[in-house]
Amino acid sequence: MMLKLILDAHGGTLPDNAIVTFANTGREMPQTLDFVQECSERWDVPIAWVEFDLEAEGKTTVVNHNSASRDGEPFTAVIRWKQMLPNVMMRFCTIELKIRRQQAYARHIFGNLNYDAILGLRADEAARVKKALGKSAPAIPRSRAPLYDAGLTKRDVIAFWSDQEFDLRLESVNGVTPSGNCDLCFLKGKALLSGLMARHPETARWWIEREQEVGAECVRKGRSAEDGRFRRSQDNASYAEQFDAVRRQGDLLEGWKDVENIDCIACTD
């Protein structure tokens, strides 16, 4: 919505000094990738798709809808480079897969960090806006939140998309998309993860494999395999254990009910 309003404010075209980026982690749902491409095609606006690539200049490579990773390859590369899994306390996935990739692309285009980062934060997200705008410093770009400045809320966003000829083809609950962002992000509630696993069992394999890979390395170094988990608190099972429980019991936890508690919708933080 923010992108479309910017285009409309400039005669339907992107200003010459503006770029649009989409940072692909490889763990987005296919519908998300298709949606980004549809925005680009329907609105005739170029969108630069960027991914983490340790061997590329600035650890950033430019891809497109056809060549974009779809099995978590950039995410896997970051984990192996860091030799650990991200978790609630160390969310380096957002930093390395999204923020720094977009910053690297901006440096490639602008030559420095003297630019504004335009964020789609709404007027009903005042705390997030305050936090984001307060991070401006010489080492990072200035942040702007035009939706917040315009007083636009979640209700306005829902109304906007109801008038469009297309939309993100993922289930929405009270204006929140449970399977948005990384499909089984560890910041999503336990019950929600169970619901997602039940509906999209194919998404579990990658998360299970990463925990098993890092867990095995932890054991090799004389540590506990539980140190190799995305969610380390004692009441959280491994992804393999949770997926097994879902397969045996079905979707008993009714995962959509804790959708309002999804912390990962703030991953732009």
C-alpha atoms as a PDB file:
ATOM      1  CA  MET A   1       0.000   0.000   0.000  1.00  0.00           C
ATOM      2  CA  MET A   2       2.777   2.429   0.892  1.00  0.00           C
ATOM      3  CA  LEU A   3       4.518   1.753  -2.418  1.00  0.00           C
ATOM      4  CA  LYS A   4       1.316   2.345  -4.391  1.00  0.00           C
ATOM      5  CA  LEU A   5       0.671   5.635  -2.567  1.00  0.00           C
ATOM      6  CA  ILE A   6       4.220   6.783  -3.329  1.00  0.00           C
ATOM      7  CA  LEU A   7       3.715   5.920  -6.995  1.00  0.00           C
ATOM      8  CA  ASP A   8       0.363   7.729  -7.097  1.00  0.00           C
ATOM      9  CA  ALA A   9       1.919  10.810  -5.489  1.00  0.00           C
ATOM     10  CA  HIS A  10       4.470  10.971  -8.324  1.00  0.00           C
ATOM     11  CA  GLY A  11       2.234  10.521 -11.332  1.00  0.00           C
ATOM     12  CA  GLY A  12       2.246   6.724 -11.223  1.00  0.00           C
ATOM     13  CA  THR A  13       6.007   6.321 -11.477  1.00  0.00           C
ATOM     14  CA  LEU A  14       8.805   5.825  -8.995  1.00  0.00           C
ATOM     15  CA  PRO A  15      10.862   8.965  -8.311  1.00  0.00           C
ATOM     16  CA  ASP A  16      14.308   8.873  -9.938  1.00  0.00           C
ATOM     17  CA  ASN A  17      16.051   8.972  -6.564  1.00  0.00           C
ATOM     18  CA  ALA A  18      14.084   6.058  -5.084  1.00  0.00           C
ATOM     19  CA  ILE A  19      14.645   2.306  -5.168  1.00  0.00           C
ATOM     20  CA  VAL A  20      12.397  -0.523  -4.007  1.00  0.00           C
ATOM     21  CA  THR A  21      13.946  -3.639  -2.503  1.00  0.00           C
ATOM     22  CA  PHE A  22      12.690  -7.032  -1.406  1.00  0.00           C
ATOM     23  CA  ALA A  23      15.059  -9.072   0.782  1.00  0.00           C
ATOM     24  CA  ASN A  24      14.419 -12.779   0.226  1.00  0.00           C
ATOM     25  CA  THR A  25      15.359 -15.180   3.019  1.00  0.00           C
ATOM     26  CA  GLY A  26      14.348 -18.266   1.069  1.00  0.00           C
ATOM     27  CA  ARG A  27      11.791 -19.180   3.749  1.00  0.00           C
ATOM     28  CA  GLU A  28       8.920 -17.009   2.565  1.00  0.00           C
ATOM     29  CA  MET A  29       5.797 -18.762   1.352  1.00  0.00           C
ATOM     30  CA  PRO A  30       5.546 -18.997  -2.466  1.00  0.00           C
ATOM     31  CA  GLN A  31       2.512 -16.716  -2.355  1.00  0.00           C
ATOM     32  CA  THR A  32       4.677 -13.945  -0.912  1.00  0.00           C
ATOM     33  CA  LEU A  33       7.147 -14.151  -3.782  1.00  0.00           C
ATOM     34  CA  ASP A  34       4.338 -14.177  -6.330  1.00  0.00           C
ATOM     35  CA  PHE A  35       2.745 -11.172  -4.631  1.00  0.00           C
ATOM     36  CA  VAL A  36       5.942  -9.096  -4.793  1.00  0.00           C
ATOM     37  CA  GLN A  37       6.274  -9.922  -8.478  1.00  0.00           C
ATOM     38  CA  GLU A  38       2.626  -9.077  -9.131  1.00  0.00           C
ATOM     39  CA  CYS A  39       3.050  -5.670  -7.475  1.00  0.00           C
ATOM     40  CA  SER A  40       6.002  -5.011  -9.762  1.00  0.00           C
ATOM     41  CA  GLU A  41       4.157  -6.054 -12.908  1.00  0.00           C
ATOM     42  CA  ARG A  42       0.755  -4.500 -12.216  1.00  0.00           C
ATOM     43  CA  TRP A  43       2.179  -1.175 -11.039  1.00  0.00           C
ATOM     44  CA  ASP A  44       5.060  -1.151 -13.526  1.00  0.00           C
ATOM     45  CA  VAL A  45       7.668  -0.523 -10.846  1.00  0.00           C
ATOM     46  CA  PRO A  46      11.118  -2.154 -10.652  1.00  0.00           C
ATOM     47  CA  ILE A  47      11.754  -4.094  -7.453  1.00  0.00           C
ATOM     48  CA  ALA A  48      15.290  -5.227  -6.654  1.00  0.00           C
ATOM     49  CA  TRP A  49      15.339  -8.713  -5.115  1.00  0.00           C
ATOM     50  CA  VAL A  50      18.368  -9.169  -2.864  1.00  0.00           C
ATOM     51  CA  GLU A  51      19.719 -12.194  -1.009  1.00  0.00           C
ATOM     52  CA  PHE A  52      22.587 -13.009   1.338  1.00  0.00           C
ATOM     53  CA  ASP A  53      25.567 -14.499  -0.516  1.00  0.00           C
ATOM     54  CA  LEU A  54      28.813 -14.856   1.415  1.00  0.00           C
ATOM     55  CA  GLU A  55      30.866 -14.959  -1.788  1.00  0.00           C
ATOM     56  CA  ALA A  56      29.303 -11.916  -3.415  1.00  0.00           C
ATOM     57  CA  GLU A  57      30.424  -8.303  -3.112  1.00  0.00           C
ATOM     58  CA  GLY A  58      28.916  -6.882   0.046  1.00  0.00           C
ATOM     59  CA  LYS A  59      27.633 -10.399   0.815  1.00  0.00           C
ATOM     60  CA  THR A  60      24.689  -9.470  -1.387  1.00  0.00           C
ATOM     61  CA  THR A  61      23.471 -10.845  -4.684  1.00  0.00           C
ATOM     62  CA  VAL A  62      20.631  -9.607  -6.871  1.00  0.00           C
ATOM     63  CA  VAL A  63      18.108 -12.190  -8.049  1.00  0.00           C
ATOM     64  CA  ASN A  64      14.603 -12.105  -9.484  1.00  0.00           C
ATOM     65  CA  HIS A  65      11.300 -13.917  -9.143  1.00  0.00           C
ATOM     66  CA  ASN A  66      12.520 -16.843 -11.227  1.00  0.00           C
ATOM     67  CA  SER A  67      15.963 -17.242  -9.667  1.00  0.00           C
ATOM     68  CA  ALA A  68      15.079 -16.393  -6.053  1.00  0.00           C
ATOM     69  CA  SER A  69      15.864 -19.051  -3.453  1.00  0.00           C
ATOM     70  CA  ARG A  70      12.877 -21.067  -2.312  1.00  0.00           C
ATOM     71  CA  ASP A  71      14.374 -23.603   0.087  1.00  0.00           C
ATOM     72  CA  GLY A  72      16.056 -21.365   2.638  1.00  0.00           C
ATOM     73  CA  GLU A  73      19.450 -21.264   0.932  1.00  0.00           C
ATOM     74  CA  PRO A  74      20.352 -17.704   2.080  1.00  0.00           C
ATOM     75  CA  PHE A  75      19.142 -18.488   5.609  1.00  0.00           C
ATOM     76  CA  THR A  76      21.171 -21.710   5.689  1.00  0.00           C
ATOM     77  CA  ALA A  77      24.248 -19.828   4.486  1.00  0.00           C
ATOM     78  CA  VAL A  78      23.913 -17.263   7.293  1.00  0.00           C
ATOM     79  CA  ILE A  79      23.544 -20.005   9.913  1.00  0.00           C
ATOM     80  CA  ARG A  80      26.634 -21.852   8.681  1.00  0.00           C
ATOM     81  CA  TRP A  81      28.592 -18.603   8.495  1.00  0.00           C
ATOM     82  CA  LYS A  82      27.618 -17.674  12.054  1.00  0.00           C
ATOM     83  CA  GLN A  83      27.932 -21.317  13.207  1.00  0.00           C
ATOM     84  CA  MET A  84      24.816 -20.951  15.321  1.00  0.00           C
ATOM     85  CA  LEU A  85      21.061 -20.502  15.085  1.00  0.00           C
ATOM     86  CA  PRO A  86      19.313 -17.172  15.613  1.00  0.00           C
ATOM     87  CA  ASN A  87      16.976 -16.977  18.573  1.00  0.00           C
ATOM     88  CA  VAL A  88      14.767 -14.522  20.431  1.00  0.00           C
ATOM     89  CA  MET A  89      17.756 -12.801  22.050  1.00  0.00           C
ATOM     90  CA  MET A  90      19.982 -12.810  18.943  1.00  0.00           C
ATOM     91  CA  ARG A  91      17.857 -12.169  15.890  1.00  0.00           C
ATOM     92  CA  PHE A  92      20.752 -11.895  13.475  1.00  0.00           C
ATOM     93  CA  CYS A  93      18.549 -13.439  10.781  1.00  0.00           C
ATOM     94  CA  THR A  94      16.659 -10.161  10.359  1.00  0.00           C
ATOM     95  CA  ILE A  95      19.893  -8.174  10.452  1.00  0.00           C
ATOM     96  CA  GLU A  96      21.868 -10.311   7.992  1.00  0.00           C
ATOM     97  CA  LEU A  97      19.105 -11.489   5.665  1.00  0.00           C
ATOM     98  CA  LYS A  98      17.120  -8.274   5.408  1.00  0.00           C
ATOM     99  CA  ILE A  99      18.539  -5.054   6.829  1.00  0.00           C
ATOM    100  CA  ARG A 100      22.177  -5.391   5.750  1.00  0.00           C
ATOM    101  CA  ARG A 101      21.255  -6.771   2.348  1.00  0.00           C
ATOM    102  CA  GLN A 102      19.086  -3.756   1.608  1.00  0.00           C
ATOM    103  CA  GLN A 103      21.753  -1.421   2.955  1.00  0.00           C
ATOM    104  CA  ALA A 104      24.391  -3.098   0.776  1.00  0.00           C
ATOM    105  CA  TYR A 105      22.232  -2.662  -2.300  1.00  0.00           C
ATOM    106  CA  ALA A 106      21.597   0.988  -1.414  1.00  0.00           C
ATOM    107  CA  ARG A 107      25.359   1.566  -1.068  1.00  0.00           C
ATOM    108  CA  HIS A 108      25.806  -0.010  -4.488  1.00  0.00           C
ATOM    109  CA  ILE A 109      23.277   2.425  -5.972  1.00  0.00           C
ATOM    110  CA  PHE A 110      23.919   5.597  -3.956  1.00  0.00           C
ATOM    111  CA  GLY A 111      27.554   5.101  -3.020  1.00  0.00           C
ATOM    112  CA  ASN A 112      27.013   5.861   0.666  1.00  0.00           C
ATOM    113  CA  LEU A 113      24.434   5.687   3.460  1.00  0.00           C
ATOM    114  CA  ASN A 114      23.154   9.226   2.940  1.00  0.00           C
ATOM    115  CA  TYR A 115      19.601   8.188   2.117  1.00  0.00           C
ATOM    116  CA  ASP A 116      16.242   7.642   3.791  1.00  0.00           C
ATOM    117  CA  ALA A 117      14.854   4.181   4.555  1.00  0.00           C
ATOM    118  CA  ILE A 118      11.103   4.297   3.970  1.00  0.00           C
ATOM    119  CA  LEU A 119       9.292   1.900   6.306  1.00  0.00           C
ATOM    120  CA  GLY A 120       5.694   0.698   6.059  1.00  0.00           C
ATOM    121  CA  LEU A 121       4.842   1.348   9.691  1.00  0.00           C
ATOM    122  CA  ARG A 122       1.323   2.567  10.446  1.00  0.00           C
ATOM    123  CA  ALA A 123      -0.197   5.143  12.786  1.00  0.00           C
ATOM    124  CA  ASP A 124      -1.428   2.365  15.089  1.00  0.00           C
ATOM    125  CA  GLU A 125       2.161   1.151  15.533  1.00  0.00           C
ATOM    126  CA  ALA A 126       3.457   4.181  17.383  1.00  0.00           C
ATOM    127  CA  ALA A 127       5.874   2.220  19.592  1.00  0.00           C
ATOM    128  CA  ARG A 128       7.507   0.583  16.579  1.00  0.00           C
ATOM    129  CA  VAL A 129       7.710   3.901  14.764  1.00  0.00           C
ATOM    130  CA  LYS A 130       9.386   5.576  17.737  1.00  0.00           C
ATOM    131  CA  LYS A 131      11.885   2.748  18.009  1.00  0.00           C
ATOM    132  CA  ALA A 132      12.653   2.683  14.278  1.00  0.00           C
ATOM    133  CA  LEU A 133      12.989   6.425  13.820  1.00  0.00           C
ATOM    134  CA  GLY A 134      15.132   6.677  16.926  1.00  0.00           C
ATOM    135  CA  LYS A 135      17.827   4.498  15.379  1.00  0.00           C
ATOM    136  CA  SER A 136      19.058   7.055  12.870  1.00  0.00           C
ATOM    137  CA  ALA A 137      22.831   7.529  13.181  1.00  0.00           C
ATOM    138  CA  PRO A 138      25.823   8.156  10.896  1.00  0.00           C
ATOM    139  CA  ALA A 139      26.305   4.414  10.406  1.00  0.00           C
ATOM    140  CA  ILE A 140      22.722   3.708   9.335  1.00  0.00           C
ATOM    141  CA  PRO A 141      20.195   5.465   7.075  1.00  0.00           C
ATOM    142  CA  ARG A 142      17.524   7.790   8.351  1.00  0.00           C
ATOM    143  CA  SER A 143      14.140   6.116   8.720  1.00  0.00           C
ATOM    144  CA  ARG A 144      10.837   7.591   7.568  1.00  0.00           C
ATOM    145  CA  ALA A 145       7.310   6.271   8.123  1.00  0.00           C
ATOM    146  CA  PRO A 146       4.914   8.040   5.733  1.00  0.00           C
ATOM    147  CA  LEU A 147       1.928   5.824   6.622  1.00  0.00           C
ATOM    148  CA  TYR A 148       2.355   6.891  10.238  1.00  0.00           C
ATOM    149  CA  ASP A 149       2.665  10.533   9.232  1.00  0.00           C
ATOM    150  CA  ALA A 150      -0.542  10.232   7.195  1.00  0.00           C
ATOM    151  CA  GLY A 151      -2.448   8.702  10.117  1.00  0.00           C
ATOM    152  CA  LEU A 152      -3.172   5.459   8.263  1.00  0.00           C
ATOM    153  CA  THR A 153      -4.022   2.362  10.318  1.00  0.00           C
ATOM    154  CA  LYS A 154      -4.553  -1.357   9.798  1.00  0.00           C
ATOM    155  CA  ARG A 155      -8.191  -0.642   8.943  1.00  0.00           C
ATOM    156  CA  ASP A 156      -7.068   1.612   6.093  1.00  0.00           C
ATOM    157  CA  VAL A 157      -4.721  -1.067   4.793  1.00  0.00           C
ATOM    158  CA  ILE A 158      -7.491  -3.683   4.787  1.00  0.00           C
ATOM    159  CA  ALA A 159      -9.827  -1.266   3.010  1.00  0.00           C
ATOM    160  CA  PHE A 160      -7.145  -0.456   0.435  1.00  0.00           C
ATOM    161  CA  TRP A 161      -6.617  -4.094  -0.520  1.00  0.00           C
ATOM    162  CA  SER A 162     -10.334  -4.802  -0.649  1.00  0.00           C
ATOM    163  CA  ASP A 163     -10.472  -2.321  -3.545  1.00  0.00           C
ATOM    164  CA  GLN A 164      -7.566  -3.867  -5.465  1.00  0.00           C
ATOM    165  CA  GLU A 165      -7.839  -6.472  -8.212  1.00  0.00           C
ATOM    166  CA  PHE A 166      -5.241  -8.671  -6.512  1.00  0.00           C
ATOM    167  CA  ASP A 167      -3.936  -9.399  -3.021  1.00  0.00           C
ATOM    168  CA  LEU A 168      -1.530 -11.571  -1.068  1.00  0.00           C
ATOM    169  CA  ARG A 169      -3.016 -15.056  -1.393  1.00  0.00           C
ATOM    170  CA  LEU A 170      -2.382 -16.098   2.196  1.00  0.00           C
ATOM    171  CA  GLU A 171      -4.986 -16.406   4.932  1.00  0.00           C
ATOM    172  CA  SER A 172      -5.535 -13.225   6.937  1.00  0.00           C
ATOM    173  CA  VAL A 173      -6.842 -13.186  10.507  1.00  0.00           C
ATOM    174  CA  ASN A 174      -7.868  -9.782  11.829  1.00  0.00           C
ATOM    175  CA  GLY A 175      -5.553  -8.132   9.344  1.00  0.00           C
ATOM    176  CA  VAL A 176      -2.573 -10.301  10.310  1.00  0.00           C
ATOM    177  CA  THR A 177      -1.100 -12.990   8.054  1.00  0.00           C
ATOM    178  CA  PRO A 178      -0.040 -15.968  10.221  1.00  0.00           C
ATOM    179  CA  SER A 179       2.128 -17.552   7.540  1.00  0.00           C
ATOM    180  CA  GLY A 180       3.692 -14.267   6.476  1.00  0.00           C
ATOM    181  CA  ASN A 181       7.415 -13.524   6.854  1.00  0.00           C
ATOM    182  CA  CYS A 182       9.476 -16.692   7.327  1.00  0.00           C
ATOM    183  CA  ASP A 183       6.999 -19.579   7.268  1.00  0.00           C
ATOM    184  CA  LEU A 184       7.829 -21.185  10.652  1.00  0.00           C
ATOM    185  CA  CYS A 185       9.660 -18.279  12.274  1.00  0.00           C
ATOM    186  CA  PHE A 186      10.700 -19.110  15.844  1.00  0.00           C
ATOM    187  CA  LEU A 187       9.070 -15.874  17.030  1.00  0.00           C
ATOM    188  CA  LYS A 188       5.628 -17.202  16.200  1.00  0.00           C
ATOM    189  CA  GLY A 189       3.740 -18.681  19.142  1.00  0.00           C
ATOM    190  CA  LYS A 190       4.008 -22.392  19.821  1.00  0.00           C
ATOM    191  CA  ALA A 191       0.324 -23.006  19.127  1.00  0.00           C
ATOM    192  CA  LEU A 192       0.520 -21.006  15.912  1.00  0.00           C
ATOM    193  CA  LEU A 193       3.536 -23.014  14.755  1.00  0.00           C
ATOM    194  CA  SER A 194       1.583 -26.225  15.328  1.00  0.00           C
ATOM    195  CA  GLY A 195      -1.289 -24.852  13.275  1.00  0.00           C
ATOM    196  CA  LEU A 196       1.061 -23.870  10.471  1.00  0.00           C
ATOM    197  CA  MET A 197       2.766 -27.271  10.505  1.00  0.00           C
ATOM    198  CA  ALA A 198      -0.599 -28.985  10.254  1.00  0.00           C
ATOM    199  CA  ARG A 199      -1.643 -26.846   7.292  1.00  0.00           C
ATOM    200  CA  HIS A 200       1.741 -26.725   5.556  1.00  0.00           C
ATOM    201  CA  PRO A 201       3.715 -29.828   6.655  1.00  0.00           C
ATOM    202  CA  GLU A 202       6.225 -29.332   3.845  1.00  0.00           C
ATOM    203  CA  THR A 203       7.597 -26.255   5.619  1.00  0.00           C
ATOM    204  CA  ALA A 204       8.867 -28.196   8.665  1.00  0.00           C
ATOM    205  CA  ARG A 205      11.747 -30.071   7.004  1.00  0.00           C
ATOM    206  CA  TRP A 206      14.128 -27.124   6.657  1.00  0.00           C
ATOM    207  CA  TRP A 207      13.707 -25.998  10.290  1.00  0.00           C
ATOM    208  CA  ILE A 208      14.173 -29.540  11.572  1.00  0.00           C
ATOM    209  CA  GLU A 209      17.312 -30.036   9.480  1.00  0.00           C
ATOM    210  CA  ARG A 210      18.898 -26.807  10.672  1.00  0.00           C
ATOM    211  CA  GLU A 211      18.327 -27.719  14.350  1.00  0.00           C
ATOM    212  CA  GLN A 212      19.688 -31.203  13.788  1.00  0.00           C
ATOM    213  CA  GLU A 213      22.741 -29.874  11.958  1.00  0.00           C
ATOM    214  CA  VAL A 214      23.625 -27.268  14.578  1.00  0.00           C
ATOM    215  CA  GLY A 215      22.636 -29.593  17.443  1.00  0.00           C
ATOM    216  CA  ALA A 216      25.013 -32.268  16.190  1.00  0.00           C
ATOM    217  CA  GLU A 217      27.830 -29.719  16.078  1.00  0.00           C
ATOM    218  CA  CYS A 218      27.023 -28.652  19.643  1.00  0.00           C
ATOM    219  CA  VAL A 219      27.288 -32.280  20.793  1.00  0.00           C
ATOM    220  CA  ARG A 220      30.576 -32.677  18.938  1.00  0.00           C
ATOM    221  CA  LYS A 221      31.918 -29.727  20.935  1.00  0.00           C
ATOM    222  CA  GLY A 222      30.752 -31.231  24.218  1.00  0.00           C
ATOM    223  CA  ARG A 223      27.640 -29.108  24.608  1.00  0.00           C
ATOM    224  CA  SER A 224      23.976 -30.037  24.792  1.00  0.00           C
ATOM    225  CA  ALA A 225      22.049 -30.606  21.572  1.00  0.00           C
ATOM    226  CA  GLU A 226      19.425 -28.258  23.014  1.00  0.00           C
ATOM    227  CA  ASP A 227      21.895 -25.421  22.490  1.00  0.00           C
ATOM    228  CA  GLY A 228      21.243 -25.967  18.791  1.00  0.00           C
ATOM    229  CA  ARG A 229      17.626 -24.874  18.827  1.00  0.00           C
ATOM    230  CA  PHE A 230      15.833 -21.802  17.583  1.00  0.00           C
ATOM    231  CA  ARG A 231      13.680 -21.751  20.729  1.00  0.00           C
ATOM    232  CA  ARG A 232      15.733 -22.542  23.827  1.00  0.00           C
ATOM    233  CA  SER A 233      13.290 -22.174  26.707  1.00  0.00           C
ATOM    234  CA  GLN A 234      12.545 -25.375  28.547  1.00  0.00           C
ATOM    235  CA  ASP A 235       8.854 -25.440  27.634  1.00  0.00           C
ATOM    236  CA  ASN A 236       9.566 -25.385  23.907  1.00  0.00           C
ATOM    237  CA  ALA A 237      10.146 -28.646  22.085  1.00  0.00           C
ATOM    238  CA  SER A 238      12.455 -28.943  19.118  1.00  0.00           C
ATOM    239  CA  TYR A 239      10.911 -28.469  15.692  1.00  0.00           C
ATOM    240  CA  ALA A 240      11.202 -32.229  15.122  1.00  0.00           C
ATOM    241  CA  GLU A 241       9.376 -33.007  18.374  1.00  0.00           C
ATOM    242  CA  GLN A 242       6.672 -30.460  17.696  1.00  0.00           C
ATOM    243  CA  PHE A 243       6.160 -31.668  14.137  1.00  0.00           C
ATOM    244  CA  ASP A 244       5.921 -35.257  15.353  1.00  0.00           C
ATOM    245  CA  ALA A 245       3.284 -34.223  17.885  1.00  0.00           C
ATOM    246  CA  VAL A 246       1.301 -32.449  15.177  1.00  0.00           C
ATOM    247  CA  ARG A 247       1.391 -35.520  12.948  1.00  0.00           C
ATOM    248  CA  ARG A 248       0.249 -37.777  15.803  1.00  0.00           C
ATOM    249  CA  GLN A 249      -2.377 -35.511  17.334  1.00  0.00           C
ATOM    250  CA  GLY A 250      -3.514 -33.322  14.486  1.00  0.00           C
ATOM    251  CA  ASP A 251      -4.163 -29.605  14.820  1.00  0.00           C
ATOM    252  CA  LEU A 252      -5.453 -29.851  18.380  1.00  0.00           C
ATOM    253  CA  LEU A 253      -3.946 -26.572  19.469  1.00  0.00           C
ATOM    254  CA  GLU A 254      -5.994 -24.499  17.029  1.00  0.00           C
ATOM    255  CA  GLY A 255      -2.920 -22.471  16.185  1.00  0.00           C
ATOM    256  CA  TRP A 256      -4.603 -19.411  14.667  1.00  0.00           C
ATOM    257  CA  LYS A 257      -5.963 -18.320  18.055  1.00  0.00           C
ATOM    258  CA  ASP A 258      -2.682 -16.757  19.218  1.00  0.00           C
ATOM    259  CA  VAL A 259      -2.168 -14.829  16.005  1.00  0.00           C
ATOM    260  CA  GLU A 260      -2.266 -11.485  17.836  1.00  0.00           C
ATOM    261  CA  ASN A 261       0.863 -12.513  19.743  1.00  0.00           C
ATOM    262  CA  ILE A 262       3.082 -12.952  16.704  1.00  0.00           C
ATOM    263  CA  ASP A 263       6.214 -10.996  17.533  1.00  0.00           C
ATOM    264  CA  CYS A 264       7.735 -11.592  14.115  1.00  0.00           C
ATOM    265  CA  ILE A 265       5.418  -9.040  12.515  1.00  0.00           C
ATOM    266  CA  ALA A 266       7.904  -6.581  14.034  1.00  0.00           C
ATOM    267  CA  CYS A 267      10.909  -8.129  12.292  1.00  0.00           C
ATOM    268  CA  THR A 268      11.601  -4.782  10.606  1.00  0.00           C
ATOM    269  CA  ASP A 269      12.779  -3.675  14.063  1.00  0.00           C
END
